[in-house]
Amino acid sequence: GSPYMVPSQYGAELAALLRKSIEVLGHMIAPPSDDWA
């Protein structure tokens, strides 16, 4: 989805969500284990 559609007052929450999303997406293309299908 678009990472731009979050009100600025939620910047701290957005940053945490972006970091987690980046981590999960990274695992999708470079799986850390066989559990990622």
Full PDB file with SEQRES, HELIX, SHEET, SSBOND, CRYST1, ORIGX, SCALE, CONECT and MASTER records, all heavy atoms in Angstrom:
SEQRES   1 A   37  GLY SER PRO TYR MET VAL PRO SER GLN TYR GLY ALA GLU          
SEQRES   2 A   37  LEU ALA ALA LEU LEU ARG LYS SER ILE GLU VAL LEU GLY          
SEQRES   3 A   37  HIS MET ILE ALA PRO PRO SER ASP ASP TRP ALA                  
HELIX    1 AA1 SER A    8  TYR A   10  5                                   3    
HELIX    2 AA2 GLY A   11  ILE A   29  1                                  19    
CRYST1    1.000    1.000    1.000  90.00  90.00  90.00 P 1           1          
ORIGX1      1.000000  0.000000  0.000000        0.00000                         
ORIGX2      0.000000  1.000000  0.000000        0.00000                         
ORIGX3      0.000000  0.000000  1.000000        0.00000                         
SCALE1      1.000000  0.000000  0.000000        0.00000                         
SCALE2      0.000000  1.000000  0.000000        0.00000                         
SCALE3      0.000000  0.000000  1.000000        0.00000                         
ATOM      1  N   GLY A   1       0.841  -1.186   0.000  1.00  0.00           N  
ATOM      2  CA  GLY A   1       0.000   0.000   0.000  1.00  0.00           C  
ATOM      3  C   GLY A   1       0.871   1.228   0.000  1.00  0.00           C  
ATOM      4  O   GLY A   1       2.088   1.139  -0.046  1.00  0.00           O  
ATOM      5  N   SER A   2       0.263   2.363   0.055  1.00  0.00           N  
ATOM      6  CA  SER A   2       1.016   3.607   0.056  1.00  0.00           C  
ATOM      7  C   SER A   2       1.469   3.961   1.465  1.00  0.00           C  
ATOM      8  O   SER A   2       0.649   4.044   2.373  1.00  0.00           O  
ATOM      9  CB  SER A   2       0.161   4.748  -0.484  1.00  0.00           C  
ATOM     10  OG  SER A   2       0.847   5.972  -0.330  1.00  0.00           O  
ATOM     11  N   PRO A   3       2.784   4.185   1.653  1.00  0.00           N  
ATOM     12  CA  PRO A   3       3.270   4.574   2.984  1.00  0.00           C  
ATOM     13  C   PRO A   3       3.050   6.049   3.260  1.00  0.00           C  
ATOM     14  O   PRO A   3       3.467   6.558   4.282  1.00  0.00           O  
ATOM     15  CB  PRO A   3       4.757   4.245   2.904  1.00  0.00           C  
ATOM     16  CG  PRO A   3       5.110   4.410   1.472  1.00  0.00           C  
ATOM     17  CD  PRO A   3       3.867   3.983   0.701  1.00  0.00           C  
ATOM     18  N   TYR A   4       2.394   6.747   2.363  1.00  0.00           N  
ATOM     19  CA  TYR A   4       2.226   8.195   2.498  1.00  0.00           C  
ATOM     20  C   TYR A   4       0.870   8.592   3.061  1.00  0.00           C  
ATOM     21  O   TYR A   4       0.623   9.754   3.292  1.00  0.00           O  
ATOM     22  CB  TYR A   4       2.420   8.862   1.132  1.00  0.00           C  
ATOM     23  CG  TYR A   4       3.773   8.544   0.561  1.00  0.00           C  
ATOM     24  CD1 TYR A   4       3.926   7.553  -0.386  1.00  0.00           C  
ATOM     25  CD2 TYR A   4       4.901   9.199   1.024  1.00  0.00           C  
ATOM     26  CE1 TYR A   4       5.177   7.244  -0.885  1.00  0.00           C  
ATOM     27  CE2 TYR A   4       6.152   8.895   0.533  1.00  0.00           C  
ATOM     28  CZ  TYR A   4       6.285   7.916  -0.422  1.00  0.00           C  
ATOM     29  OH  TYR A   4       7.520   7.607  -0.894  1.00  0.00           O  
ATOM     30  N   MET A   5       0.005   7.667   3.283  1.00  0.00           N  
ATOM     31  CA  MET A   5      -1.363   7.982   3.650  1.00  0.00           C  
ATOM     32  C   MET A   5      -1.595   7.887   5.157  1.00  0.00           C  
ATOM     33  O   MET A   5      -2.583   7.337   5.603  1.00  0.00           O  
ATOM     34  CB  MET A   5      -2.314   7.075   2.881  1.00  0.00           C  
ATOM     35  CG  MET A   5      -2.138   7.216   1.380  1.00  0.00           C  
ATOM     36  SD  MET A   5      -3.291   6.283   0.426  1.00  0.00           S  
ATOM     37  CE  MET A   5      -4.756   7.233   0.660  1.00  0.00           C  
ATOM     38  N   VAL A   6      -0.677   8.426   5.949  1.00  0.00           N  
ATOM     39  CA  VAL A   6      -0.790   8.419   7.402  1.00  0.00           C  
ATOM     40  C   VAL A   6      -0.636   9.851   7.891  1.00  0.00           C  
ATOM     41  O   VAL A   6       0.316  10.536   7.516  1.00  0.00           O  
ATOM     42  CB  VAL A   6       0.303   7.526   8.030  1.00  0.00           C  
ATOM     43  CG1 VAL A   6       0.239   7.588   9.541  1.00  0.00           C  
ATOM     44  CG2 VAL A   6       0.160   6.095   7.539  1.00  0.00           C  
ATOM     45  N   PRO A   7      -1.558  10.334   8.719  1.00  0.00           N  
ATOM     46  CA  PRO A   7      -1.425  11.698   9.235  1.00  0.00           C  
ATOM     47  C   PRO A   7      -0.104  11.893   9.970  1.00  0.00           C  
ATOM     48  O   PRO A   7       0.383  10.986  10.649  1.00  0.00           O  
ATOM     49  CB  PRO A   7      -2.617  11.824  10.198  1.00  0.00           C  
ATOM     50  CG  PRO A   7      -3.586  10.794   9.747  1.00  0.00           C  
ATOM     51  CD  PRO A   7      -2.768   9.671   9.189  1.00  0.00           C  
ATOM     52  N   SER A   8       0.462  13.087   9.854  1.00  0.00           N  
ATOM     53  CA  SER A   8       1.788  13.357  10.422  1.00  0.00           C  
ATOM     54  C   SER A   8       1.838  13.193  11.931  1.00  0.00           C  
ATOM     55  O   SER A   8       2.896  12.913  12.486  1.00  0.00           O  
ATOM     56  CB  SER A   8       2.245  14.765  10.031  1.00  0.00           C  
ATOM     57  OG  SER A   8       1.330  15.715  10.525  1.00  0.00           O  
ATOM     58  N   GLN A   9       0.715  13.337  12.610  1.00  0.00           N  
ATOM     59  CA  GLN A   9       0.716  13.194  14.062  1.00  0.00           C  
ATOM     60  C   GLN A   9       1.039  11.767  14.501  1.00  0.00           C  
ATOM     61  O   GLN A   9       1.317  11.527  15.667  1.00  0.00           O  
ATOM     62  CB  GLN A   9      -0.628  13.631  14.641  1.00  0.00           C  
ATOM     63  CG  GLN A   9      -1.781  12.694  14.264  1.00  0.00           C  
ATOM     64  CD  GLN A   9      -3.117  13.384  14.252  1.00  0.00           C  
ATOM     65  OE1 GLN A   9      -3.225  14.485  13.728  1.00  0.00           O  
ATOM     66  NE2 GLN A   9      -4.126  12.762  14.812  1.00  0.00           N  
ATOM     67  N   TYR A  10       1.012  10.832  13.578  1.00  0.00           N  
ATOM     68  CA  TYR A  10       1.310   9.435  13.893  1.00  0.00           C  
ATOM     69  C   TYR A  10       2.693   9.024  13.396  1.00  0.00           C  
ATOM     70  O   TYR A  10       2.946   7.856  13.129  1.00  0.00           O  
ATOM     71  CB  TYR A  10       0.244   8.509  13.303  1.00  0.00           C  
ATOM     72  CG  TYR A  10      -1.127   8.777  13.864  1.00  0.00           C  
ATOM     73  CD1 TYR A  10      -2.095   9.415  13.108  1.00  0.00           C  
ATOM     74  CD2 TYR A  10      -1.440   8.417  15.172  1.00  0.00           C  
ATOM     75  CE1 TYR A  10      -3.353   9.685  13.626  1.00  0.00           C  
ATOM     76  CE2 TYR A  10      -2.690   8.685  15.707  1.00  0.00           C  
ATOM     77  CZ  TYR A  10      -3.642   9.319  14.926  1.00  0.00           C  
ATOM     78  OH  TYR A  10      -4.881   9.583  15.447  1.00  0.00           O  
ATOM     79  N   GLY A  11       3.600   9.975  13.295  1.00  0.00           N  
ATOM     80  CA  GLY A  11       4.937   9.706  12.766  1.00  0.00           C  
ATOM     81  C   GLY A  11       5.686   8.624  13.504  1.00  0.00           C  
ATOM     82  O   GLY A  11       6.329   7.769  12.893  1.00  0.00           O  
ATOM     83  N   ALA A  12       5.637   8.613  14.829  1.00  0.00           N  
ATOM     84  CA  ALA A  12       6.359   7.592  15.604  1.00  0.00           C  
ATOM     85  C   ALA A  12       5.798   6.203  15.324  1.00  0.00           C  
ATOM     86  O   ALA A  12       6.556   5.243  15.147  1.00  0.00           O  
ATOM     87  CB  ALA A  12       6.286   7.904  17.091  1.00  0.00           C  
ATOM     88  N   GLU A  13       4.481   6.112  15.294  1.00  0.00           N  
ATOM     89  CA  GLU A  13       3.859   4.821  14.999  1.00  0.00           C  
ATOM     90  C   GLU A  13       4.169   4.388  13.565  1.00  0.00           C  
ATOM     91  O   GLU A  13       4.422   3.223  13.298  1.00  0.00           O  
ATOM     92  CB  GLU A  13       2.344   4.880  15.216  1.00  0.00           C  
ATOM     93  CG  GLU A  13       1.935   5.018  16.653  1.00  0.00           C  
ATOM     94  CD  GLU A  13       1.836   6.464  17.115  1.00  0.00           C  
ATOM     95  OE1 GLU A  13       2.269   7.385  16.392  1.00  0.00           O  
ATOM     96  OE2 GLU A  13       1.318   6.683  18.217  1.00  0.00           O  
ATOM     97  N   LEU A  14       4.145   5.355  12.655  1.00  0.00           N  
ATOM     98  CA  LEU A  14       4.445   5.049  11.259  1.00  0.00           C  
ATOM     99  C   LEU A  14       5.868   4.529  11.118  1.00  0.00           C  
ATOM    100  O   LEU A  14       6.108   3.544  10.421  1.00  0.00           O  
ATOM    101  CB  LEU A  14       4.235   6.272  10.370  1.00  0.00           C  
ATOM    102  CG  LEU A  14       4.596   6.089   8.892  1.00  0.00           C  
ATOM    103  CD1 LEU A  14       3.802   4.946   8.264  1.00  0.00           C  
ATOM    104  CD2 LEU A  14       4.379   7.383   8.130  1.00  0.00           C  
ATOM    105  N   ALA A  15       6.813   5.156  11.783  1.00  0.00           N  
ATOM    106  CA  ALA A  15       8.208   4.720  11.687  1.00  0.00           C  
ATOM    107  C   ALA A  15       8.350   3.275  12.150  1.00  0.00           C  
ATOM    108  O   ALA A  15       9.018   2.469  11.491  1.00  0.00           O  
ATOM    109  CB  ALA A  15       9.104   5.645  12.504  1.00  0.00           C  
ATOM    110  N   ALA A  16       7.713   2.932  13.252  1.00  0.00           N  
ATOM    111  CA  ALA A  16       7.789   1.554  13.754  1.00  0.00           C  
ATOM    112  C   ALA A  16       7.145   0.581  12.765  1.00  0.00           C  
ATOM    113  O   ALA A  16       7.689  -0.503  12.513  1.00  0.00           O  
ATOM    114  CB  ALA A  16       7.108   1.458  15.113  1.00  0.00           C  
ATOM    115  N   LEU A  17       6.008   0.963  12.200  1.00  0.00           N  
ATOM    116  CA  LEU A  17       5.342   0.108  11.217  1.00  0.00           C  
ATOM    117  C   LEU A  17       6.173  -0.047   9.948  1.00  0.00           C  
ATOM    118  O   LEU A  17       6.239  -1.137   9.368  1.00  0.00           O  
ATOM    119  CB  LEU A  17       3.962   0.665  10.881  1.00  0.00           C  
ATOM    120  CG  LEU A  17       2.923   0.569  11.994  1.00  0.00           C  
ATOM    121  CD1 LEU A  17       1.673   1.353  11.617  1.00  0.00           C  
ATOM    122  CD2 LEU A  17       2.582  -0.882  12.278  1.00  0.00           C  
ATOM    123  N   LEU A  18       6.799   1.036   9.516  1.00  0.00           N  
ATOM    124  CA  LEU A  18       7.653   0.957   8.325  1.00  0.00           C  
ATOM    125  C   LEU A  18       8.830   0.031   8.571  1.00  0.00           C  
ATOM    126  O   LEU A  18       9.163  -0.803   7.718  1.00  0.00           O  
ATOM    127  CB  LEU A  18       8.141   2.347   7.926  1.00  0.00           C  
ATOM    128  CG  LEU A  18       7.093   3.283   7.329  1.00  0.00           C  
ATOM    129  CD1 LEU A  18       7.661   4.680   7.161  1.00  0.00           C  
ATOM    130  CD2 LEU A  18       6.563   2.745   6.019  1.00  0.00           C  
ATOM    131  N   ARG A  19       9.473   0.153   9.739  1.00  0.00           N  
ATOM    132  CA  ARG A  19      10.609  -0.733  10.044  1.00  0.00           C  
ATOM    133  C   ARG A  19      10.178  -2.195  10.053  1.00  0.00           C  
ATOM    134  O   ARG A  19      10.868  -3.064   9.503  1.00  0.00           O  
ATOM    135  CB  ARG A  19      11.241  -0.346  11.382  1.00  0.00           C  
ATOM    136  CG  ARG A  19      12.127   0.884  11.296  1.00  0.00           C  
ATOM    137  CD  ARG A  19      12.947   1.088  12.571  1.00  0.00           C  
ATOM    138  NE  ARG A  19      12.112   1.506  13.689  1.00  0.00           N  
ATOM    139  CZ  ARG A  19      11.746   2.763  13.922  1.00  0.00           C  
ATOM    140  NH1 ARG A  19      12.141   3.737  13.116  1.00  0.00           N  
ATOM    141  NH2 ARG A  19      10.990   3.051  14.965  1.00  0.00           N  
ATOM    142  N   LYS A  20       9.052  -2.492  10.665  1.00  0.00           N  
ATOM    143  CA  LYS A  20       8.557  -3.868  10.710  1.00  0.00           C  
ATOM    144  C   LYS A  20       8.189  -4.358   9.310  1.00  0.00           C  
ATOM    145  O   LYS A  20       8.487  -5.496   8.939  1.00  0.00           O  
ATOM    146  CB  LYS A  20       7.350  -3.971  11.652  1.00  0.00           C  
ATOM    147  CG  LYS A  20       6.844  -5.380  11.832  1.00  0.00           C  
ATOM    148  CD  LYS A  20       7.892  -6.281  12.462  1.00  0.00           C  
ATOM    149  CE  LYS A  20       7.349  -7.667  12.712  1.00  0.00           C  
ATOM    150  NZ  LYS A  20       8.371  -8.566  13.242  1.00  0.00           N  
ATOM    151  N   SER A  21       7.549  -3.500   8.522  1.00  0.00           N  
ATOM    152  CA  SER A  21       7.178  -3.877   7.157  1.00  0.00           C  
ATOM    153  C   SER A  21       8.410  -4.174   6.315  1.00  0.00           C  
ATOM    154  O   SER A  21       8.430  -5.143   5.552  1.00  0.00           O  
ATOM    155  CB  SER A  21       6.353  -2.765   6.503  1.00  0.00           C  
ATOM    156  OG  SER A  21       5.152  -2.576   7.194  1.00  0.00           O  
ATOM    157  N   ILE A  22       9.434  -3.345   6.455  1.00  0.00           N  
ATOM    158  CA  ILE A  22      10.685  -3.559   5.727  1.00  0.00           C  
ATOM    159  C   ILE A  22      11.302  -4.893   6.127  1.00  0.00           C  
ATOM    160  O   ILE A  22      11.772  -5.659   5.277  1.00  0.00           O  
ATOM    161  CB  ILE A  22      11.658  -2.385   5.967  1.00  0.00           C  
ATOM    162  CG1 ILE A  22      11.128  -1.122   5.280  1.00  0.00           C  
ATOM    163  CG2 ILE A  22      13.070  -2.720   5.508  1.00  0.00           C  
ATOM    164  CD1 ILE A  22      11.788   0.165   5.734  1.00  0.00           C  
ATOM    165  N   GLU A  23      11.266  -5.187   7.417  1.00  0.00           N  
ATOM    166  CA  GLU A  23      11.808  -6.463   7.903  1.00  0.00           C  
ATOM    167  C   GLU A  23      11.050  -7.650   7.315  1.00  0.00           C  
ATOM    168  O   GLU A  23      11.649  -8.598   6.792  1.00  0.00           O  
ATOM    169  CB  GLU A  23      11.732  -6.507   9.429  1.00  0.00           C  
ATOM    170  CG  GLU A  23      12.198  -7.825  10.017  1.00  0.00           C  
ATOM    171  CD  GLU A  23      11.982  -7.923  11.520  1.00  0.00           C  
ATOM    172  OE1 GLU A  23      11.432  -6.982  12.131  1.00  0.00           O  
ATOM    173  OE2 GLU A  23      12.366  -8.955  12.080  1.00  0.00           O  
ATOM    174  N   VAL A  24       9.721  -7.592   7.366  1.00  0.00           N  
ATOM    175  CA  VAL A  24       8.909  -8.699   6.864  1.00  0.00           C  
ATOM    176  C   VAL A  24       9.071  -8.856   5.351  1.00  0.00           C  
ATOM    177  O   VAL A  24       9.243  -9.976   4.856  1.00  0.00           O  
ATOM    178  CB  VAL A  24       7.420  -8.502   7.247  1.00  0.00           C  
ATOM    179  CG1 VAL A  24       6.532  -9.509   6.540  1.00  0.00           C  
ATOM    180  CG2 VAL A  24       7.248  -8.605   8.759  1.00  0.00           C  
ATOM    181  N   LEU A  25       9.033  -7.744   4.629  1.00  0.00           N  
ATOM    182  CA  LEU A  25       9.221  -7.825   3.175  1.00  0.00           C  
ATOM    183  C   LEU A  25      10.594  -8.392   2.833  1.00  0.00           C  
ATOM    184  O   LEU A  25      10.724  -9.188   1.897  1.00  0.00           O  
ATOM    185  CB  LEU A  25       9.031  -6.449   2.543  1.00  0.00           C  
ATOM    186  CG  LEU A  25       7.598  -5.923   2.519  1.00  0.00           C  
ATOM    187  CD1 LEU A  25       7.579  -4.448   2.145  1.00  0.00           C  
ATOM    188  CD2 LEU A  25       6.737  -6.728   1.568  1.00  0.00           C  
ATOM    189  N   GLY A  26      11.599  -8.003   3.588  1.00  0.00           N  
ATOM    190  CA  GLY A  26      12.932  -8.552   3.370  1.00  0.00           C  
ATOM    191  C   GLY A  26      12.964 -10.059   3.559  1.00  0.00           C  
ATOM    192  O   GLY A  26      13.595 -10.784   2.785  1.00  0.00           O  
ATOM    193  N   HIS A  27      12.252 -10.531   4.576  1.00  0.00           N  
ATOM    194  CA  HIS A  27      12.193 -11.976   4.817  1.00  0.00           C  
ATOM    195  C   HIS A  27      11.421 -12.699   3.719  1.00  0.00           C  
ATOM    196  O   HIS A  27      11.665 -13.877   3.466  1.00  0.00           O  
ATOM    197  CB  HIS A  27      11.551 -12.256   6.171  1.00  0.00           C  
ATOM    198  CG  HIS A  27      12.435 -11.903   7.325  1.00  0.00           C  
ATOM    199  ND1 HIS A  27      11.971 -11.817   8.598  1.00  0.00           N  
ATOM    200  CD2 HIS A  27      13.753 -11.609   7.401  1.00  0.00           C  
ATOM    201  CE1 HIS A  27      12.948 -11.485   9.410  1.00  0.00           C  
ATOM    202  NE2 HIS A  27      14.051 -11.348   8.697  1.00  0.00           N  
ATOM    203  N   MET A  28      10.501 -11.994   3.078  1.00  0.00           N  
ATOM    204  CA  MET A  28       9.743 -12.609   1.993  1.00  0.00           C  
ATOM    205  C   MET A  28      10.641 -12.955   0.811  1.00  0.00           C  
ATOM    206  O   MET A  28      10.419 -13.963   0.138  1.00  0.00           O  
ATOM    207  CB  MET A  28       8.613 -11.686   1.548  1.00  0.00           C  
ATOM    208  CG  MET A  28       7.497 -11.574   2.574  1.00  0.00           C  
ATOM    209  SD  MET A  28       6.312 -10.246   2.227  1.00  0.00           S  
ATOM    210  CE  MET A  28       5.573 -10.814   0.705  1.00  0.00           C  
ATOM    211  N   ILE A  29      11.671 -12.137   0.558  1.00  0.00           N  
ATOM    212  CA  ILE A  29      12.539 -12.402  -0.598  1.00  0.00           C  
ATOM    213  C   ILE A  29      13.897 -12.977  -0.196  1.00  0.00           C  
ATOM    214  O   ILE A  29      14.646 -13.440  -1.047  1.00  0.00           O  
ATOM    215  CB  ILE A  29      12.722 -11.146  -1.473  1.00  0.00           C  
ATOM    216  CG1 ILE A  29      13.304  -9.988  -0.690  1.00  0.00           C  
ATOM    217  CG2 ILE A  29      11.392 -10.775  -2.128  1.00  0.00           C  
ATOM    218  CD1 ILE A  29      13.648  -8.778  -1.533  1.00  0.00           C  
ATOM    219  N   ALA A  30      14.210 -12.942   1.094  1.00  0.00           N  
ATOM    220  CA  ALA A  30      15.434 -13.569   1.627  1.00  0.00           C  
ATOM    221  C   ALA A  30      15.039 -14.281   2.915  1.00  0.00           C  
ATOM    222  O   ALA A  30      15.334 -13.798   4.014  1.00  0.00           O  
ATOM    223  CB  ALA A  30      16.513 -12.523   1.875  1.00  0.00           C  
ATOM    224  N   PRO A  31      14.338 -15.406   2.789  1.00  0.00           N  
ATOM    225  CA  PRO A  31      13.780 -16.086   3.952  1.00  0.00           C  
ATOM    226  C   PRO A  31      14.844 -16.482   4.977  1.00  0.00           C  
ATOM    227  O   PRO A  31      15.865 -17.061   4.618  1.00  0.00           O  
ATOM    228  CB  PRO A  31      13.127 -17.340   3.368  1.00  0.00           C  
ATOM    229  CG  PRO A  31      12.999 -17.095   1.911  1.00  0.00           C  
ATOM    230  CD  PRO A  31      14.080 -16.125   1.551  1.00  0.00           C  
ATOM    231  N   PRO A  32      14.585 -16.167   6.262  1.00  0.00           N  
ATOM    232  CA  PRO A  32      15.521 -16.542   7.307  1.00  0.00           C  
ATOM    233  C   PRO A  32      15.405 -18.020   7.690  1.00  0.00           C  
ATOM    234  O   PRO A  32      16.272 -18.552   8.378  1.00  0.00           O  
ATOM    235  CB  PRO A  32      15.125 -15.645   8.480  1.00  0.00           C  
ATOM    236  CG  PRO A  32      13.674 -15.389   8.271  1.00  0.00           C  
ATOM    237  CD  PRO A  32      13.493 -15.352   6.780  1.00  0.00           C  
ATOM    238  N   SER A  33      14.321 -18.664   7.254  1.00  0.00           N  
ATOM    239  CA  SER A  33      14.118 -20.084   7.547  1.00  0.00           C  
ATOM    240  C   SER A  33      13.182 -20.674   6.504  1.00  0.00           C  
ATOM    241  O   SER A  33      12.594 -19.960   5.687  1.00  0.00           O  
ATOM    242  CB  SER A  33      13.521 -20.269   8.955  1.00  0.00           C  
ATOM    243  OG  SER A  33      12.175 -19.839   8.973  1.00  0.00           O  
ATOM    244  N   ASP A  34      13.018 -21.985   6.573  1.00  0.00           N  
ATOM    245  CA  ASP A  34      12.119 -22.674   5.643  1.00  0.00           C  
ATOM    246  C   ASP A  34      10.644 -22.399   5.933  1.00  0.00           C  
ATOM    247  O   ASP A  34       9.776 -22.764   5.150  1.00  0.00           O  
ATOM    248  CB  ASP A  34      12.364 -24.187   5.685  1.00  0.00           C  
ATOM    249  CG  ASP A  34      13.703 -24.565   5.076  1.00  0.00           C  
ATOM    250  OD1 ASP A  34      14.241 -23.779   4.271  1.00  0.00           O  
ATOM    251  OD2 ASP A  34      14.216 -25.660   5.412  1.00  0.00           O  
ATOM    252  N   ASP A  35      10.371 -21.748   7.056  1.00  0.00           N  
ATOM    253  CA  ASP A  35       8.989 -21.427   7.404  1.00  0.00           C  
ATOM    254  C   ASP A  35       8.400 -20.333   6.513  1.00  0.00           C  
ATOM    255  O   ASP A  35       7.193 -20.161   6.467  1.00  0.00           O  
ATOM    256  CB  ASP A  35       8.896 -20.981   8.866  1.00  0.00           C  
ATOM    257  CG  ASP A  35       9.227 -22.107   9.833  1.00  0.00           C  
ATOM    258  OD1 ASP A  35       9.064 -23.287   9.457  1.00  0.00           O  
ATOM    259  OD2 ASP A  35       9.661 -21.810  10.955  1.00  0.00           O  
ATOM    260  N   TRP A  36       9.250 -19.573   5.851  1.00  0.00           N  
ATOM    261  CA  TRP A  36       8.800 -18.487   4.977  1.00  0.00           C  
ATOM    262  C   TRP A  36       8.601 -19.059   3.575  1.00  0.00           C  
ATOM    263  O   TRP A  36       9.555 -19.328   2.861  1.00  0.00           O  
ATOM    264  CB  TRP A  36       9.829 -17.362   4.946  1.00  0.00           C  
ATOM    265  CG  TRP A  36       9.881 -16.615   6.231  1.00  0.00           C  
ATOM    266  CD1 TRP A  36      10.507 -17.016   7.377  1.00  0.00           C  
ATOM    267  CD2 TRP A  36       9.270 -15.376   6.525  1.00  0.00           C  
ATOM    268  NE1 TRP A  36      10.327 -16.097   8.357  1.00  0.00           N  
ATOM    269  CE2 TRP A  36       9.570 -15.058   7.862  1.00  0.00           C  
ATOM    270  CE3 TRP A  36       8.506 -14.486   5.782  1.00  0.00           C  
ATOM    271  CZ2 TRP A  36       9.118 -13.899   8.475  1.00  0.00           C  
ATOM    272  CZ3 TRP A  36       8.066 -13.328   6.393  1.00  0.00           C  
ATOM    273  CH2 TRP A  36       8.363 -13.047   7.721  1.00  0.00           C  
ATOM    274  N   ALA A  37       7.355 -19.210   3.148  1.00  0.00           N  
ATOM    275  CA  ALA A  37       7.048 -19.885   1.884  1.00  0.00           C  
ATOM    276  C   ALA A  37       6.605 -18.934   0.779  1.00  0.00           C  
ATOM    277  O   ALA A  37       6.124 -19.377  -0.258  1.00  0.00           O  
ATOM    278  CB  ALA A  37       5.965 -20.935   2.120  1.00  0.00           C  
TER     279      ALA A  37                                                      
MASTER        0    0    0    2    0    0    0    6  278    1    0    3          
END                                                                             
